[in-house]
C-alpha atoms as a PDB file:
ATOM      1  CA  MET A   1       0.000   0.000   0.000  1.00  0.00           C
ATOM      2  CA  LYS A   2       2.783   2.444   0.840  1.00  0.00           C
ATOM      3  CA  ARG A   3       4.368   1.907  -2.567  1.00  0.00           C
ATOM      4  CA  GLN A   4       1.145   2.868  -4.336  1.00  0.00           C
ATOM      5  CA  LYS A   5       0.789   5.953  -2.178  1.00  0.00           C
ATOM      6  CA  ARG A   6       4.368   7.004  -2.869  1.00  0.00           C
ATOM      7  CA  ASP A   7       3.965   6.424  -6.600  1.00  0.00           C
ATOM      8  CA  ARG A   8       0.837   8.558  -6.636  1.00  0.00           C
ATOM      9  CA  LEU A   9       2.620  11.394  -4.862  1.00  0.00           C
ATOM     10  CA  GLU A  10       5.647  11.105  -7.146  1.00  0.00           C
ATOM     11  CA  ARG A  11       3.313  11.314 -10.121  1.00  0.00           C
ATOM     12  CA  ALA A  12       1.675  14.438  -8.679  1.00  0.00           C
ATOM     13  CA  HIS A  13       5.115  16.037  -8.240  1.00  0.00           C
ATOM     14  CA  SER A  14       6.105  15.131 -11.789  1.00  0.00           C
ATOM     15  CA  ARG A  15       2.890  16.519 -13.238  1.00  0.00           C
ATOM     16  CA  GLY A  16       3.336  19.728 -11.270  1.00  0.00           C
ATOM     17  CA  TYR A  17       6.865  20.050 -12.615  1.00  0.00           C
ATOM     18  CA  GLN A  18       5.635  19.574 -16.179  1.00  0.00           C
ATOM     19  CA  ALA A  19       2.883  22.141 -15.619  1.00  0.00           C
ATOM     20  CA  GLY A  20       5.449  24.631 -14.324  1.00  0.00           C
ATOM     21  CA  LEU A  21       7.653  24.095 -17.354  1.00  0.00           C
ATOM     22  CA  GLY A  22       4.621  24.536 -19.582  1.00  0.00           C
ATOM     23  CA  GLY A  23       3.876  27.937 -18.070  1.00  0.00           C
ATOM     24  CA  LYS A  24       0.672  26.897 -16.326  1.00  0.00           C
ATOM     25  CA  SER A  25      -0.545  28.875 -13.332  1.00  0.00           C
ATOM     26  CA  ARG A  26      -0.337  27.382  -9.860  1.00  0.00           C
ATOM     27  CA  GLU A  27      -4.110  27.868  -9.712  1.00  0.00           C
ATOM     28  CA  ASN A  28      -4.458  25.037 -12.256  1.00  0.00           C
ATOM     29  CA  CYS A  29      -3.607  22.374  -9.671  1.00  0.00           C
ATOM     30  CA  PRO A  30      -5.966  19.470 -10.369  1.00  0.00           C
ATOM     31  CA  TYR A  31      -5.580  17.842  -6.950  1.00  0.00           C
ATOM     32  CA  GLY A  32      -7.909  18.338  -4.027  1.00  0.00           C
ATOM     33  CA  ALA A  33      -6.200  16.040  -1.525  1.00  0.00           C
ATOM     34  CA  LEU A  34      -3.719  17.940   0.646  1.00  0.00           C
ATOM     35  CA  GLU A  35      -0.736  15.593   0.217  1.00  0.00           C
ATOM     36  CA  ALA A  36      -1.078  15.369  -3.553  1.00  0.00           C
ATOM     37  CA  LYS A  37      -1.653  19.119  -3.845  1.00  0.00           C
ATOM     38  CA  GLU A  38       1.500  19.820  -1.823  1.00  0.00           C
ATOM     39  CA  GLN A  39       3.500  17.529  -4.089  1.00  0.00           C
ATOM     40  CA  TRP A  40       2.076  19.109  -7.245  1.00  0.00           C
ATOM     41  CA  LEU A  41       2.862  22.612  -5.986  1.00  0.00           C
ATOM     42  CA  GLY A  42       6.350  21.492  -4.954  1.00  0.00           C
ATOM     43  CA  GLY A  43       6.994  20.243  -8.479  1.00  0.00           C
ATOM     44  CA  TRP A  44       5.558  23.446  -9.929  1.00  0.00           C
ATOM     45  CA  ARG A  45       7.838  25.583  -7.733  1.00  0.00           C
ATOM     46  CA  GLU A  46      10.848  23.443  -8.619  1.00  0.00           C
ATOM     47  CA  ALA A  47      10.178  23.962 -12.333  1.00  0.00           C
ATOM     48  CA  LYS A  48       9.845  27.727 -11.856  1.00  0.00           C
ATOM     49  CA  GLU A  49      13.167  27.779  -9.966  1.00  0.00           C
ATOM     50  CA  ASP A  50      14.812  25.793 -12.766  1.00  0.00           C
ATOM     51  CA  ILE A  51      13.460  28.236 -15.353  1.00  0.00           C
ATOM     52  CA  ASN A  52      14.647  31.240 -13.344  1.00  0.00           C
ATOM     53  CA  SER A  53      18.119  29.729 -12.885  1.00  0.00           C
ATOM     54  CA  GLY A  54      18.449  29.383 -16.654  1.00  0.00           C
ATOM     55  CA  LEU A  55      18.092  25.620 -16.942  1.00  0.00           C
ATOM     56  CA  PHE A  56      15.244  26.010 -19.434  1.00  0.00           C
ATOM     57  CA  ASN A  57      14.263  28.800 -21.812  1.00  0.00           C
END
């Protein structure tokens, strides 16, 4: 069970990262559950930091 939960949260983080790279707003978070939403927003923030540091154009 823990593996499934972790995979779900990793997927939320990955999707948030992709959304951040794609220029989506943080308001577009599709998750309602707190844990998944935190992971999505963490990925989104990470992507924005990577863009600002010059990793992506």
